[in-house]
Amino acid sequence: MTDEQIERYSRHIILKEVGGTGQRKLLDGRVLIIGAGGLGAPIALYLAAAGVGTIGIADADDVDLSNLQRQVIHFTPDIGTPKVESARRKMQAINPDVTVVTYKEWISAANIAAIIAEYDFVIDGTDNFAAKFLINDACVLAGKPYSHGGILQFDGQTITVQPGESACYRCIFPEPPPKDAIPTCSRAGVIGVLPGVVGTIQATEAIKFLLGTGELLTNRLLTYSALRMKFREVPLKRSPTCPVCGDHPVITELRDELDALTVCDLETR
């Protein structure tokens, strides 16, 4: 590392769990964030600041005024700008060491496998079930570790999935609920600080994975209630009847659970 990098990452380097070797692992790491909204915003900022060398960010939306209450990577002058470009500018302003790869497109069964193949770790920052089940299936089939996160109103949840070793999202929820059975944040609302709490946990999981240190949030669903200011940990285990990672999987190729063109809105509204 250069003298400037040693100074920039000095608070990491003095940690015995990181050191110079760990910081080099972060600089060599590759993380994909799907969604540049409420969850994706703090994730992207913290991964860039930490020095994760290559960060992909996927979102097809443009910044609008209603995003700014919680999507802290976007500013008022960014309204009308593609979210991925707005995010890229802030990430590289924080840390020019970082390479940001942008995908201004919907993530679907047609393109997700090729995109996640380029990364060590994937983070789900989406807000709809079609996207969440697709990300889970793609990561499980590709053997790609990932972090799931979800938020609504005052509540959030997150879990880390290591395919072949831990429970996956479908072990908990085998299939999506009926369309419109559970409202999105754009319909039900979300307190602005909530994605900051859940998103920073997801960013932490990515950093720990790249470092190879600590205990990942596998086989444990972590839930958070902002109103009660309480965390709860729900123990899980891989389901032998899981349709994608079970003993006799029935999902062996990717599919869009719902109409991706109308439902897979890959921002956390």
C-alpha atoms as a PDB file:
ATOM      1  CA  MET A   1       0.000   0.000   0.000  1.00  0.00           C
ATOM      2  CA  THR A   2       1.027   3.576  -0.567  1.00  0.00           C
ATOM      3  CA  ASP A   3       1.720   5.969   2.302  1.00  0.00           C
ATOM      4  CA  GLU A   4      -1.613   7.635   1.582  1.00  0.00           C
ATOM      5  CA  GLN A   5      -3.459   4.324   1.779  1.00  0.00           C
ATOM      6  CA  ILE A   6      -1.720   3.432   5.031  1.00  0.00           C
ATOM      7  CA  GLU A   7      -2.943   6.717   6.487  1.00  0.00           C
ATOM      8  CA  ARG A   8      -6.440   6.391   5.022  1.00  0.00           C
ATOM      9  CA  TYR A   9      -6.948   2.885   6.415  1.00  0.00           C
ATOM     10  CA  SER A  10      -4.882   3.334   9.586  1.00  0.00           C
ATOM     11  CA  ARG A  11      -7.826   2.685  11.923  1.00  0.00           C
ATOM     12  CA  HIS A  12      -8.402  -0.629  10.152  1.00  0.00           C
ATOM     13  CA  ILE A  13      -4.744  -1.563  10.058  1.00  0.00           C
ATOM     14  CA  ILE A  14      -4.280  -1.223  13.818  1.00  0.00           C
ATOM     15  CA  LEU A  15      -7.068  -3.752  14.417  1.00  0.00           C
ATOM     16  CA  LYS A  16      -5.499  -7.171  14.996  1.00  0.00           C
ATOM     17  CA  GLU A  17      -8.409  -8.768  13.091  1.00  0.00           C
ATOM     18  CA  VAL A  18      -7.601  -6.654  10.015  1.00  0.00           C
ATOM     19  CA  GLY A  19      -4.022  -5.390   9.819  1.00  0.00           C
ATOM     20  CA  GLY A  20      -2.288  -4.687   6.561  1.00  0.00           C
ATOM     21  CA  THR A  21      -3.084  -8.162   5.229  1.00  0.00           C
ATOM     22  CA  GLY A  22      -6.805  -7.729   5.896  1.00  0.00           C
ATOM     23  CA  GLN A  23      -6.895  -4.297   4.322  1.00  0.00           C
ATOM     24  CA  ARG A  24      -5.266  -5.768   1.236  1.00  0.00           C
ATOM     25  CA  LYS A  25      -8.054  -8.367   1.161  1.00  0.00           C
ATOM     26  CA  LEU A  26     -10.615  -5.549   1.195  1.00  0.00           C
ATOM     27  CA  LEU A  27      -8.820  -3.721  -1.590  1.00  0.00           C
ATOM     28  CA  ASP A  28      -8.820  -6.929  -3.630  1.00  0.00           C
ATOM     29  CA  GLY A  29     -12.471  -7.677  -2.778  1.00  0.00           C
ATOM     30  CA  ARG A  30     -15.450  -7.454  -5.104  1.00  0.00           C
ATOM     31  CA  VAL A  31     -18.977  -6.827  -3.761  1.00  0.00           C
ATOM     32  CA  LEU A  32     -22.208  -6.356  -5.712  1.00  0.00           C
ATOM     33  CA  ILE A  33     -25.029  -4.231  -4.270  1.00  0.00           C
ATOM     34  CA  ILE A  34     -28.429  -4.766  -5.899  1.00  0.00           C
ATOM     35  CA  GLY A  35     -30.480  -1.659  -5.231  1.00  0.00           C
ATOM     36  CA  ALA A  36     -29.200   1.908  -4.802  1.00  0.00           C
ATOM     37  CA  GLY A  37     -32.028   3.036  -2.537  1.00  0.00           C
ATOM     38  CA  GLY A  38     -32.556   3.068   1.217  1.00  0.00           C
ATOM     39  CA  LEU A  39     -30.507  -0.028   2.027  1.00  0.00           C
ATOM     40  CA  GLY A  40     -28.047   0.344  -0.813  1.00  0.00           C
ATOM     41  CA  ALA A  41     -27.162   3.922   0.156  1.00  0.00           C
ATOM     42  CA  PRO A  42     -25.431   3.259   3.518  1.00  0.00           C
ATOM     43  CA  ILE A  43     -24.038  -0.034   2.232  1.00  0.00           C
ATOM     44  CA  ALA A  44     -22.370   1.683  -0.716  1.00  0.00           C
ATOM     45  CA  LEU A  45     -20.971   4.531   1.373  1.00  0.00           C
ATOM     46  CA  TYR A  46     -19.484   2.293   4.041  1.00  0.00           C
ATOM     47  CA  LEU A  47     -18.021  -0.264   1.635  1.00  0.00           C
ATOM     48  CA  ALA A  48     -16.383   2.517  -0.350  1.00  0.00           C
ATOM     49  CA  ALA A  49     -15.012   4.142   2.800  1.00  0.00           C
ATOM     50  CA  ALA A  50     -13.685   0.767   3.977  1.00  0.00           C
ATOM     51  CA  GLY A  51     -11.700   0.352   0.778  1.00  0.00           C
ATOM     52  CA  VAL A  52     -13.517  -2.538  -0.872  1.00  0.00           C
ATOM     53  CA  GLY A  53     -11.707  -2.401  -4.185  1.00  0.00           C
ATOM     54  CA  THR A  54     -14.488  -3.140  -6.654  1.00  0.00           C
ATOM     55  CA  ILE A  55     -18.128  -2.399  -5.884  1.00  0.00           C
ATOM     56  CA  GLY A  56     -20.895  -3.122  -8.366  1.00  0.00           C
ATOM     57  CA  ILE A  57     -24.195  -1.306  -7.951  1.00  0.00           C
ATOM     58  CA  ALA A  58     -27.365  -2.177  -9.880  1.00  0.00           C
ATOM     59  CA  ASP A  59     -30.510  -0.059 -10.107  1.00  0.00           C
ATOM     60  CA  ALA A  60     -32.571   1.076 -13.081  1.00  0.00           C
ATOM     61  CA  ASP A  61     -34.213   4.070 -11.389  1.00  0.00           C
ATOM     62  CA  ASP A  62     -33.503   7.790 -11.338  1.00  0.00           C
ATOM     63  CA  VAL A  63     -33.380   9.856  -8.153  1.00  0.00           C
ATOM     64  CA  ASP A  64     -36.655  11.541  -7.203  1.00  0.00           C
ATOM     65  CA  LEU A  65     -37.579  13.890  -4.392  1.00  0.00           C
ATOM     66  CA  SER A  66     -39.333  11.248  -2.279  1.00  0.00           C
ATOM     67  CA  ASN A  67     -36.098   9.229  -2.094  1.00  0.00           C
ATOM     68  CA  LEU A  68     -34.168  11.858  -0.176  1.00  0.00           C
ATOM     69  CA  GLN A  69     -35.875  11.212   3.187  1.00  0.00           C
ATOM     70  CA  ARG A  70     -33.790   8.038   3.630  1.00  0.00           C
ATOM     71  CA  GLN A  71     -31.522   7.362   0.616  1.00  0.00           C
ATOM     72  CA  VAL A  72     -28.594   9.292   2.036  1.00  0.00           C
ATOM     73  CA  ILE A  73     -26.244   8.756  -0.882  1.00  0.00           C
ATOM     74  CA  HIS A  74     -28.433  10.987  -3.085  1.00  0.00           C
ATOM     75  CA  PHE A  75     -28.674  14.780  -2.720  1.00  0.00           C
ATOM     76  CA  THR A  76     -31.236  17.330  -3.924  1.00  0.00           C
ATOM     77  CA  PRO A  77     -29.188  18.313  -7.023  1.00  0.00           C
ATOM     78  CA  ASP A  78     -29.190  14.624  -8.038  1.00  0.00           C
ATOM     79  CA  ILE A  79     -32.939  14.561  -8.720  1.00  0.00           C
ATOM     80  CA  GLY A  80     -33.464  13.165 -12.220  1.00  0.00           C
ATOM     81  CA  THR A  81     -30.003  11.558 -12.284  1.00  0.00           C
ATOM     82  CA  PRO A  82     -29.639   7.764 -12.576  1.00  0.00           C
ATOM     83  CA  LYS A  83     -29.229   6.411  -9.060  1.00  0.00           C
ATOM     84  CA  VAL A  84     -26.210   4.341  -9.992  1.00  0.00           C
ATOM     85  CA  GLU A  85     -24.404   7.425 -11.305  1.00  0.00           C
ATOM     86  CA  SER A  86     -25.365   9.516  -8.288  1.00  0.00           C
ATOM     87  CA  ALA A  87     -24.095   6.741  -6.014  1.00  0.00           C
ATOM     88  CA  ARG A  88     -20.886   6.263  -7.994  1.00  0.00           C
ATOM     89  CA  ARG A  89     -19.955   9.925  -7.670  1.00  0.00           C
ATOM     90  CA  LYS A  90     -20.354   9.928  -3.883  1.00  0.00           C
ATOM     91  CA  MET A  91     -18.504   6.633  -3.444  1.00  0.00           C
ATOM     92  CA  GLN A  92     -15.521   7.788  -5.468  1.00  0.00           C
ATOM     93  CA  ALA A  93     -15.553  11.177  -3.763  1.00  0.00           C
ATOM     94  CA  ILE A  94     -15.180   9.378  -0.426  1.00  0.00           C
ATOM     95  CA  ASN A  95     -12.506   7.043  -1.748  1.00  0.00           C
ATOM     96  CA  PRO A  96     -10.828   7.317  -5.162  1.00  0.00           C
ATOM     97  CA  ASP A  97      -9.195   3.892  -4.526  1.00  0.00           C
ATOM     98  CA  VAL A  98     -12.548   2.263  -5.251  1.00  0.00           C
ATOM     99  CA  THR A  99     -13.677   1.090  -8.678  1.00  0.00           C
ATOM    100  CA  VAL A 100     -17.463   1.384  -9.016  1.00  0.00           C
ATOM    101  CA  VAL A 101     -19.159  -0.672 -11.723  1.00  0.00           C
ATOM    102  CA  THR A 102     -22.689   0.533 -12.510  1.00  0.00           C
ATOM    103  CA  TYR A 103     -25.603  -1.454 -13.920  1.00  0.00           C
ATOM    104  CA  LYS A 104     -28.502   0.799 -14.884  1.00  0.00           C
ATOM    105  CA  GLU A 105     -30.840  -2.058 -15.648  1.00  0.00           C
ATOM    106  CA  TRP A 106     -33.450  -4.269 -14.066  1.00  0.00           C
ATOM    107  CA  ILE A 107     -32.007  -7.410 -12.576  1.00  0.00           C
ATOM    108  CA  SER A 108     -33.855 -10.394 -14.011  1.00  0.00           C
ATOM    109  CA  ALA A 109     -33.457 -14.118 -14.606  1.00  0.00           C
ATOM    110  CA  ALA A 110     -31.898 -13.257 -17.962  1.00  0.00           C
ATOM    111  CA  ASN A 111     -28.955 -11.255 -16.626  1.00  0.00           C
ATOM    112  CA  ILE A 112     -28.386 -11.915 -12.931  1.00  0.00           C
ATOM    113  CA  ALA A 113     -26.189 -15.011 -13.273  1.00  0.00           C
ATOM    114  CA  ALA A 114     -23.674 -13.252 -15.512  1.00  0.00           C
ATOM    115  CA  ILE A 115     -23.566 -10.196 -13.242  1.00  0.00           C
ATOM    116  CA  ILE A 116     -23.089 -11.961  -9.891  1.00  0.00           C
ATOM    117  CA  ALA A 117     -20.394 -14.209 -11.381  1.00  0.00           C
ATOM    118  CA  GLU A 118     -17.988 -11.250 -11.255  1.00  0.00           C
ATOM    119  CA  TYR A 119     -18.271 -10.745  -7.492  1.00  0.00           C
ATOM    120  CA  ASP A 120     -17.183 -12.405  -4.240  1.00  0.00           C
ATOM    121  CA  PHE A 121     -20.244 -11.366  -2.233  1.00  0.00           C
ATOM    122  CA  VAL A 122     -23.719 -10.071  -3.131  1.00  0.00           C
ATOM    123  CA  ILE A 123     -25.959  -7.750  -1.107  1.00  0.00           C
ATOM    124  CA  ASP A 124     -29.734  -7.626  -1.590  1.00  0.00           C
ATOM    125  CA  GLY A 125     -30.956  -4.072  -1.092  1.00  0.00           C
ATOM    126  CA  THR A 126     -34.272  -4.494  -2.904  1.00  0.00           C
ATOM    127  CA  ASP A 127     -37.814  -3.981  -1.661  1.00  0.00           C
ATOM    128  CA  ASN A 128     -39.962  -6.567  -3.423  1.00  0.00           C
ATOM    129  CA  PHE A 129     -40.382 -10.299  -3.241  1.00  0.00           C
ATOM    130  CA  ALA A 130     -39.806 -10.995  -6.922  1.00  0.00           C
ATOM    131  CA  ALA A 131     -36.307  -9.543  -6.683  1.00  0.00           C
ATOM    132  CA  LYS A 132     -35.527 -11.122  -3.325  1.00  0.00           C
ATOM    133  CA  PHE A 133     -36.430 -14.646  -4.402  1.00  0.00           C
ATOM    134  CA  LEU A 134     -34.543 -14.218  -7.680  1.00  0.00           C
ATOM    135  CA  ILE A 135     -31.394 -13.019  -5.877  1.00  0.00           C
ATOM    136  CA  ASN A 136     -31.603 -15.916  -3.434  1.00  0.00           C
ATOM    137  CA  ASP A 137     -32.047 -18.509  -6.165  1.00  0.00           C
ATOM    138  CA  ALA A 138     -29.268 -17.072  -8.320  1.00  0.00           C
ATOM    139  CA  CYS A 139     -26.812 -16.953  -5.427  1.00  0.00           C
ATOM    140  CA  VAL A 140     -27.677 -20.442  -4.195  1.00  0.00           C
ATOM    141  CA  LEU A 141     -27.378 -21.979  -7.664  1.00  0.00           C
ATOM    142  CA  ALA A 142     -24.075 -20.171  -8.240  1.00  0.00           C
ATOM    143  CA  GLY A 143     -22.729 -20.942  -4.750  1.00  0.00           C
ATOM    144  CA  LYS A 144     -22.376 -17.208  -4.127  1.00  0.00           C
ATOM    145  CA  PRO A 145     -22.633 -15.922  -0.519  1.00  0.00           C
ATOM    146  CA  TYR A 146     -24.986 -13.009  -0.008  1.00  0.00           C
ATOM    147  CA  SER A 147     -26.734 -10.794   2.533  1.00  0.00           C
ATOM    148  CA  HIS A 148     -30.511 -10.411   2.517  1.00  0.00           C
ATOM    149  CA  GLY A 149     -32.097  -7.306   3.979  1.00  0.00           C
ATOM    150  CA  GLY A 150     -35.679  -6.097   4.181  1.00  0.00           C
ATOM    151  CA  ILE A 151     -37.403  -3.076   5.722  1.00  0.00           C
ATOM    152  CA  LEU A 152     -40.960  -1.804   6.107  1.00  0.00           C
ATOM    153  CA  GLN A 153     -42.414   0.954   8.273  1.00  0.00           C
ATOM    154  CA  PHE A 154     -40.451   0.601  11.572  1.00  0.00           C
ATOM    155  CA  ASP A 155     -39.213  -2.988  11.180  1.00  0.00           C
ATOM    156  CA  GLY A 156     -36.273  -4.619   9.447  1.00  0.00           C
ATOM    157  CA  GLN A 157     -34.636  -7.999   9.059  1.00  0.00           C
ATOM    158  CA  THR A 158     -31.406  -9.428   7.701  1.00  0.00           C
ATOM    159  CA  ILE A 159     -29.661 -12.778   7.266  1.00  0.00           C
ATOM    160  CA  THR A 160     -26.484 -13.942   5.540  1.00  0.00           C
ATOM    161  CA  VAL A 161     -26.632 -16.978   3.274  1.00  0.00           C
ATOM    162  CA  GLN A 162     -23.686 -19.235   2.523  1.00  0.00           C
ATOM    163  CA  PRO A 163     -24.940 -21.722  -0.079  1.00  0.00           C
ATOM    164  CA  GLY A 164     -24.303 -25.337   0.832  1.00  0.00           C
ATOM    165  CA  GLU A 165     -23.577 -24.417   4.442  1.00  0.00           C
ATOM    166  CA  SER A 166     -26.542 -22.465   5.806  1.00  0.00           C
ATOM    167  CA  ALA A 167     -30.257 -21.864   5.464  1.00  0.00           C
ATOM    168  CA  CYS A 168     -31.292 -19.756   2.482  1.00  0.00           C
ATOM    169  CA  TYR A 169     -34.183 -17.338   2.076  1.00  0.00           C
ATOM    170  CA  ARG A 170     -36.455 -20.069   0.657  1.00  0.00           C
ATOM    171  CA  CYS A 171     -35.762 -22.257   3.687  1.00  0.00           C
ATOM    172  CA  ILE A 172     -37.687 -19.590   5.617  1.00  0.00           C
ATOM    173  CA  PHE A 173     -40.153 -18.525   2.925  1.00  0.00           C
ATOM    174  CA  PRO A 174     -40.531 -21.264   0.279  1.00  0.00           C
ATOM    175  CA  GLU A 175     -42.438 -19.031  -2.146  1.00  0.00           C
ATOM    176  CA  PRO A 176     -43.502 -15.396  -2.477  1.00  0.00           C
ATOM    177  CA  PRO A 177     -46.805 -14.241  -1.001  1.00  0.00           C
ATOM    178  CA  PRO A 178     -49.607 -13.335  -3.420  1.00  0.00           C
ATOM    179  CA  LYS A 179     -49.007 -10.128  -5.338  1.00  0.00           C
ATOM    180  CA  ASP A 180     -49.946  -7.025  -3.300  1.00  0.00           C
ATOM    181  CA  ALA A 181     -50.512  -9.107  -0.138  1.00  0.00           C
ATOM    182  CA  ILE A 182     -47.730  -7.154   1.579  1.00  0.00           C
ATOM    183  CA  PRO A 183     -47.305  -3.492   0.631  1.00  0.00           C
ATOM    184  CA  THR A 184     -44.004  -1.974  -0.422  1.00  0.00           C
ATOM    185  CA  CYS A 185     -42.468   0.967   1.403  1.00  0.00           C
ATOM    186  CA  SER A 186     -43.893   3.329  -1.219  1.00  0.00           C
ATOM    187  CA  ARG A 187     -47.380   2.295  -0.086  1.00  0.00           C
ATOM    188  CA  ALA A 188     -46.914   1.598   3.619  1.00  0.00           C
ATOM    189  CA  GLY A 189     -44.126   4.051   4.461  1.00  0.00           C
ATOM    190  CA  VAL A 190     -40.767   3.619   6.150  1.00  0.00           C
ATOM    191  CA  ILE A 191     -39.039   5.630   8.854  1.00  0.00           C
ATOM    192  CA  GLY A 192     -35.999   7.266   7.279  1.00  0.00           C
ATOM    193  CA  VAL A 193     -33.351   5.987   9.693  1.00  0.00           C
ATOM    194  CA  LEU A 194     -34.384   2.315   9.453  1.00  0.00           C
ATOM    195  CA  PRO A 195     -32.401   1.403   6.312  1.00  0.00           C
ATOM    196  CA  GLY A 196     -29.328   2.922   7.902  1.00  0.00           C
ATOM    197  CA  VAL A 197     -29.481   0.394  10.739  1.00  0.00           C
ATOM    198  CA  VAL A 198     -30.128  -2.657   8.554  1.00  0.00           C
ATOM    199  CA  GLY A 199     -27.862  -1.525   5.721  1.00  0.00           C
ATOM    200  CA  THR A 200     -24.834  -1.012   7.944  1.00  0.00           C
ATOM    201  CA  ILE A 201     -25.296  -4.525   9.328  1.00  0.00           C
ATOM    202  CA  GLN A 202     -25.300  -5.854   5.761  1.00  0.00           C
ATOM    203  CA  ALA A 203     -22.149  -3.875   4.945  1.00  0.00           C
ATOM    204  CA  THR A 204     -20.506  -5.310   8.055  1.00  0.00           C
ATOM    205  CA  GLU A 205     -21.296  -8.836   6.880  1.00  0.00           C
ATOM    206  CA  ALA A 206     -19.655  -8.175   3.517  1.00  0.00           C
ATOM    207  CA  ILE A 207     -16.534  -6.775   5.184  1.00  0.00           C
ATOM    208  CA  LYS A 208     -16.281  -9.722   7.599  1.00  0.00           C
ATOM    209  CA  PHE A 209     -16.682 -12.154   4.729  1.00  0.00           C
ATOM    210  CA  LEU A 210     -13.872 -10.544   2.732  1.00  0.00           C
ATOM    211  CA  LEU A 211     -11.632 -10.460   5.799  1.00  0.00           C
ATOM    212  CA  GLY A 212     -12.478 -14.039   6.770  1.00  0.00           C
ATOM    213  CA  THR A 213     -12.968 -12.988  10.371  1.00  0.00           C
ATOM    214  CA  GLY A 214     -15.754 -13.012  12.936  1.00  0.00           C
ATOM    215  CA  GLU A 215     -19.019 -14.915  12.863  1.00  0.00           C
ATOM    216  CA  LEU A 216     -21.372 -14.310   9.954  1.00  0.00           C
ATOM    217  CA  LEU A 217     -25.128 -13.955  10.424  1.00  0.00           C
ATOM    218  CA  THR A 218     -25.812 -17.409   9.026  1.00  0.00           C
ATOM    219  CA  ASN A 219     -28.624 -19.644  10.279  1.00  0.00           C
ATOM    220  CA  ARG A 220     -29.860 -16.649  12.257  1.00  0.00           C
ATOM    221  CA  LEU A 221     -32.527 -14.187  11.129  1.00  0.00           C
ATOM    222  CA  LEU A 222     -31.904 -10.877  12.857  1.00  0.00           C
ATOM    223  CA  THR A 223     -35.004  -8.718  13.232  1.00  0.00           C
ATOM    224  CA  TYR A 224     -35.129  -5.109  14.419  1.00  0.00           C
ATOM    225  CA  SER A 225     -37.996  -3.003  15.718  1.00  0.00           C
ATOM    226  CA  ALA A 226     -37.208   0.705  15.712  1.00  0.00           C
ATOM    227  CA  LEU A 227     -40.335   1.531  17.717  1.00  0.00           C
ATOM    228  CA  ARG A 228     -39.385  -0.846  20.517  1.00  0.00           C
ATOM    229  CA  MET A 229     -35.628  -0.441  19.935  1.00  0.00           C
ATOM    230  CA  LYS A 230     -35.219  -4.203  20.129  1.00  0.00           C
ATOM    231  CA  PHE A 231     -33.260  -6.760  18.170  1.00  0.00           C
ATOM    232  CA  ARG A 232     -34.355 -10.378  18.080  1.00  0.00           C
ATOM    233  CA  GLU A 233     -32.395 -13.332  16.735  1.00  0.00           C
ATOM    234  CA  VAL A 234     -34.357 -16.258  15.300  1.00  0.00           C
ATOM    235  CA  PRO A 235     -32.319 -19.485  14.953  1.00  0.00           C
ATOM    236  CA  LEU A 236     -32.732 -21.268  11.634  1.00  0.00           C
ATOM    237  CA  LYS A 237     -31.444 -24.325   9.867  1.00  0.00           C
ATOM    238  CA  ARG A 238     -31.413 -25.480   6.281  1.00  0.00           C
ATOM    239  CA  SER A 239     -34.707 -27.086   5.308  1.00  0.00           C
ATOM    240  CA  PRO A 240     -34.420 -30.494   3.625  1.00  0.00           C
ATOM    241  CA  THR A 241     -37.583 -29.627   1.688  1.00  0.00           C
ATOM    242  CA  CYS A 242     -36.319 -26.239   0.488  1.00  0.00           C
ATOM    243  CA  PRO A 243     -37.172 -25.937  -3.219  1.00  0.00           C
ATOM    244  CA  VAL A 244     -33.742 -24.586  -4.135  1.00  0.00           C
ATOM    245  CA  CYS A 245     -31.188 -25.870  -1.585  1.00  0.00           C
ATOM    246  CA  GLY A 246     -33.027 -28.881  -0.127  1.00  0.00           C
ATOM    247  CA  ASP A 247     -32.332 -32.557  -0.566  1.00  0.00           C
ATOM    248  CA  HIS A 248     -34.465 -32.750  -3.689  1.00  0.00           C
ATOM    249  CA  PRO A 249     -34.510 -29.252  -5.238  1.00  0.00           C
ATOM    250  CA  VAL A 250     -37.174 -28.450  -7.795  1.00  0.00           C
ATOM    251  CA  ILE A 251     -35.694 -25.069  -8.732  1.00  0.00           C
ATOM    252  CA  THR A 252     -32.693 -25.835 -10.898  1.00  0.00           C
ATOM    253  CA  GLU A 253     -32.783 -22.864 -13.234  1.00  0.00           C
ATOM    254  CA  LEU A 254     -33.588 -19.211 -12.736  1.00  0.00           C
ATOM    255  CA  ARG A 255     -37.026 -17.777 -13.289  1.00  0.00           C
ATOM    256  CA  ASP A 256     -38.743 -14.490 -12.591  1.00  0.00           C
ATOM    257  CA  GLU A 257     -41.374 -15.096  -9.922  1.00  0.00           C
ATOM    258  CA  LEU A 258     -43.466 -12.198 -11.193  1.00  0.00           C
ATOM    259  CA  ASP A 259     -43.375  -9.849 -14.172  1.00  0.00           C
ATOM    260  CA  ALA A 260     -39.884  -8.399 -13.756  1.00  0.00           C
ATOM    261  CA  LEU A 261     -40.624  -5.447 -16.016  1.00  0.00           C
ATOM    262  CA  THR A 262     -43.414  -4.208 -13.761  1.00  0.00           C
ATOM    263  CA  VAL A 263     -42.533  -5.584 -10.345  1.00  0.00           C
ATOM    264  CA  CYS A 264     -38.760  -5.789  -9.985  1.00  0.00           C
ATOM    265  CA  ASP A 265     -38.257  -2.217  -8.867  1.00  0.00           C
ATOM    266  CA  LEU A 266     -34.740  -2.564  -7.543  1.00  0.00           C
ATOM    267  CA  GLU A 267     -34.698   0.297  -5.107  1.00  0.00           C
ATOM    268  CA  THR A 268     -35.688   0.308  -1.496  1.00  0.00           C
ATOM    269  CA  ARG A 269     -38.625   2.675  -1.608  1.00  0.00           C
END
